[in-house]
């Protein structure tokens, strides 16, 4: 099983947004955004949350993550 590295922190930094601002703008719970930003390598993710985040950052879903080998 592979892991994905989420790029949410990178996109938030480009916009100058805090975790709370990303959460407020996307509708994704603060705790989820915080976890995704602080622990970017994940085995599982909530695709609904990632879709909301992609819309918020105006990027395609695939831009939010890189697949990494274990």
N, C-alpha and C. Protein backbone atom coordinates (compact mmCIF):
# COMPACT_ATOMS: atom_id res chain seq x y z
N UNK A 1 0.85 -1.18 0.00
CA UNK A 1 0.00 0.00 0.00
C UNK A 1 0.89 1.24 0.00
N UNK A 2 0.56 2.21 -0.84
CA UNK A 2 1.32 3.44 -0.89
C UNK A 2 0.73 4.52 -0.01
N UNK A 3 1.46 5.58 0.10
CA UNK A 3 1.01 6.74 0.88
C UNK A 3 0.84 7.92 -0.06
N UNK A 4 0.06 8.88 0.38
CA UNK A 4 -0.02 10.14 -0.36
C UNK A 4 0.55 11.25 0.52
N UNK A 5 1.20 12.19 -0.12
CA UNK A 5 1.70 13.38 0.59
C UNK A 5 0.80 14.53 0.17
N UNK A 6 0.07 15.04 1.14
CA UNK A 6 -0.86 16.13 0.87
C UNK A 6 -0.11 17.45 0.76
N UNK A 7 -0.54 18.30 -0.15
CA UNK A 7 0.12 19.58 -0.41
C UNK A 7 -0.72 20.76 0.08
N UNK A 8 -1.58 20.51 1.05
CA UNK A 8 -2.49 21.54 1.53
C UNK A 8 -1.74 22.71 2.15
N UNK A 9 -0.71 22.42 2.94
CA UNK A 9 0.09 23.49 3.55
C UNK A 9 0.70 24.39 2.48
N UNK A 10 1.21 23.78 1.43
CA UNK A 10 1.81 24.52 0.33
C UNK A 10 0.81 25.49 -0.30
N UNK A 11 -0.39 25.01 -0.57
CA UNK A 11 -1.41 25.87 -1.18
C UNK A 11 -1.90 26.94 -0.20
N UNK A 12 -2.01 26.60 1.07
CA UNK A 12 -2.41 27.59 2.08
C UNK A 12 -1.37 28.69 2.18
N UNK A 13 -0.10 28.30 2.19
CA UNK A 13 0.98 29.29 2.27
C UNK A 13 0.96 30.23 1.07
N UNK A 14 0.70 29.69 -0.12
CA UNK A 14 0.64 30.53 -1.33
C UNK A 14 -0.45 31.59 -1.21
N UNK A 15 -1.56 31.23 -0.55
CA UNK A 15 -2.67 32.16 -0.38
C UNK A 15 -2.49 33.05 0.85
N UNK A 16 -1.56 32.67 1.73
CA UNK A 16 -1.38 33.40 2.98
C UNK A 16 -2.48 33.09 3.99
N UNK A 17 -3.05 31.88 3.90
CA UNK A 17 -4.16 31.49 4.76
C UNK A 17 -3.70 30.64 5.93
N UNK A 18 -4.34 30.84 7.06
CA UNK A 18 -4.11 30.02 8.25
C UNK A 18 -4.96 28.74 8.14
N UNK A 19 -4.75 27.83 9.08
CA UNK A 19 -5.56 26.62 9.13
C UNK A 19 -7.04 27.00 9.27
N UNK A 20 -7.33 27.94 10.14
CA UNK A 20 -8.73 28.36 10.36
C UNK A 20 -9.33 28.95 9.09
N UNK A 21 -8.57 29.76 8.39
CA UNK A 21 -9.08 30.35 7.16
C UNK A 21 -9.36 29.28 6.10
N UNK A 22 -8.48 28.30 5.99
CA UNK A 22 -8.71 27.20 5.04
C UNK A 22 -9.99 26.46 5.44
N UNK A 23 -10.14 26.19 6.72
CA UNK A 23 -11.33 25.49 7.21
C UNK A 23 -12.59 26.30 6.93
N UNK A 24 -12.57 27.57 7.27
CA UNK A 24 -13.75 28.43 7.06
C UNK A 24 -14.12 28.54 5.58
N UNK A 25 -13.12 28.69 4.73
CA UNK A 25 -13.38 28.87 3.30
C UNK A 25 -13.85 27.58 2.63
N UNK A 26 -13.37 26.44 3.12
CA UNK A 26 -13.68 25.16 2.47
C UNK A 26 -14.87 24.44 3.07
N UNK A 27 -15.17 24.72 4.34
CA UNK A 27 -16.21 23.97 5.02
C UNK A 27 -15.73 22.64 5.57
N UNK A 28 -14.43 22.39 5.46
CA UNK A 28 -13.83 21.17 6.01
C UNK A 28 -13.53 21.45 7.48
N UNK A 29 -13.89 20.52 8.38
CA UNK A 29 -13.66 20.76 9.80
C UNK A 29 -12.21 21.15 10.11
N UNK A 30 -12.07 22.08 11.06
CA UNK A 30 -10.76 22.59 11.46
C UNK A 30 -9.80 21.45 11.80
N UNK A 31 -10.26 20.48 12.58
CA UNK A 31 -9.40 19.38 13.00
C UNK A 31 -8.87 18.57 11.83
N UNK A 32 -9.70 18.39 10.81
CA UNK A 32 -9.27 17.66 9.61
C UNK A 32 -8.20 18.44 8.87
N UNK A 33 -8.45 19.72 8.65
CA UNK A 33 -7.47 20.56 7.94
C UNK A 33 -6.16 20.59 8.72
N UNK A 34 -6.25 20.76 10.03
CA UNK A 34 -5.05 20.81 10.88
C UNK A 34 -4.25 19.52 10.75
N UNK A 35 -4.92 18.39 10.83
CA UNK A 35 -4.24 17.10 10.70
C UNK A 35 -3.60 16.95 9.33
N UNK A 36 -4.32 17.29 8.28
CA UNK A 36 -3.79 17.16 6.93
C UNK A 36 -2.59 18.08 6.70
N UNK A 37 -2.60 19.26 7.31
CA UNK A 37 -1.50 20.19 7.12
C UNK A 37 -0.28 19.82 7.96
N UNK A 38 -0.49 19.29 9.13
CA UNK A 38 0.62 18.99 10.04
C UNK A 38 1.22 17.61 9.83
N UNK A 39 0.42 16.68 9.31
CA UNK A 39 0.90 15.31 9.05
C UNK A 39 0.55 15.00 7.59
N UNK A 40 1.35 15.52 6.65
CA UNK A 40 0.96 15.42 5.25
C UNK A 40 1.03 14.03 4.63
N UNK A 41 1.84 13.12 5.19
CA UNK A 41 1.91 11.77 4.63
C UNK A 41 0.82 10.92 5.25
N UNK A 42 -0.09 10.43 4.42
CA UNK A 42 -1.28 9.73 4.91
C UNK A 42 -1.51 8.46 4.11
N UNK A 43 -2.05 7.44 4.77
CA UNK A 43 -2.47 6.22 4.10
C UNK A 43 -3.93 6.33 3.66
N UNK A 44 -4.73 7.06 4.43
CA UNK A 44 -6.13 7.25 4.07
C UNK A 44 -6.48 8.73 4.14
N UNK A 45 -7.39 9.12 3.28
CA UNK A 45 -7.86 10.51 3.26
C UNK A 45 -9.36 10.52 2.99
N UNK A 46 -10.00 11.59 3.34
CA UNK A 46 -11.42 11.79 3.07
C UNK A 46 -11.54 12.50 1.71
N UNK A 47 -11.97 11.77 0.70
CA UNK A 47 -12.04 12.36 -0.64
C UNK A 47 -13.02 13.52 -0.72
N UNK A 48 -14.08 13.47 0.05
CA UNK A 48 -15.03 14.59 0.06
C UNK A 48 -14.35 15.85 0.57
N UNK A 49 -13.55 15.71 1.62
CA UNK A 49 -12.81 16.86 2.16
C UNK A 49 -11.80 17.36 1.13
N UNK A 50 -11.10 16.44 0.47
CA UNK A 50 -10.11 16.87 -0.53
C UNK A 50 -10.77 17.58 -1.70
N UNK A 51 -11.95 17.13 -2.11
CA UNK A 51 -12.67 17.81 -3.19
C UNK A 51 -13.02 19.24 -2.79
N UNK A 52 -13.48 19.42 -1.56
CA UNK A 52 -13.80 20.76 -1.06
C UNK A 52 -12.55 21.64 -1.02
N UNK A 53 -11.44 21.06 -0.58
CA UNK A 53 -10.19 21.82 -0.52
C UNK A 53 -9.71 22.18 -1.92
N UNK A 54 -9.83 21.26 -2.86
CA UNK A 54 -9.43 21.55 -4.24
C UNK A 54 -10.25 22.71 -4.80
N UNK A 55 -11.55 22.71 -4.56
CA UNK A 55 -12.39 23.82 -5.01
C UNK A 55 -11.98 25.13 -4.35
N UNK A 56 -11.66 25.07 -3.07
CA UNK A 56 -11.26 26.27 -2.33
C UNK A 56 -9.98 26.87 -2.89
N UNK A 57 -9.02 26.00 -3.24
CA UNK A 57 -7.74 26.48 -3.78
C UNK A 57 -7.79 26.67 -5.30
N UNK A 58 -8.94 26.34 -5.91
CA UNK A 58 -9.12 26.45 -7.36
C UNK A 58 -8.08 25.63 -8.12
N UNK A 59 -7.94 24.38 -7.69
CA UNK A 59 -7.03 23.44 -8.36
C UNK A 59 -7.79 22.13 -8.58
N UNK A 60 -7.24 21.28 -9.43
CA UNK A 60 -7.84 19.95 -9.60
C UNK A 60 -7.41 19.08 -8.44
N UNK A 61 -8.22 18.10 -8.13
CA UNK A 61 -7.98 17.22 -6.99
C UNK A 61 -6.56 16.65 -7.00
N UNK A 62 -6.10 16.23 -8.15
CA UNK A 62 -4.79 15.60 -8.26
C UNK A 62 -3.64 16.53 -7.87
N UNK A 63 -3.86 17.84 -7.92
CA UNK A 63 -2.82 18.79 -7.53
C UNK A 63 -2.58 18.80 -6.02
N UNK A 64 -3.54 18.30 -5.24
CA UNK A 64 -3.44 18.37 -3.79
C UNK A 64 -2.55 17.30 -3.17
N UNK A 65 -2.13 16.32 -3.95
CA UNK A 65 -1.33 15.26 -3.36
C UNK A 65 -0.33 14.67 -4.35
N UNK A 66 0.70 14.06 -3.79
CA UNK A 66 1.67 13.27 -4.55
C UNK A 66 1.63 11.87 -3.97
N UNK A 67 1.74 10.86 -4.81
CA UNK A 67 1.83 9.48 -4.33
C UNK A 67 3.28 9.21 -4.00
N UNK A 68 3.52 8.69 -2.80
CA UNK A 68 4.89 8.38 -2.38
C UNK A 68 4.97 6.89 -2.06
N UNK A 69 6.13 6.34 -2.23
CA UNK A 69 6.34 4.93 -1.92
C UNK A 69 6.58 4.76 -0.44
N UNK A 70 6.23 3.61 0.08
CA UNK A 70 6.44 3.32 1.50
C UNK A 70 7.90 3.14 1.81
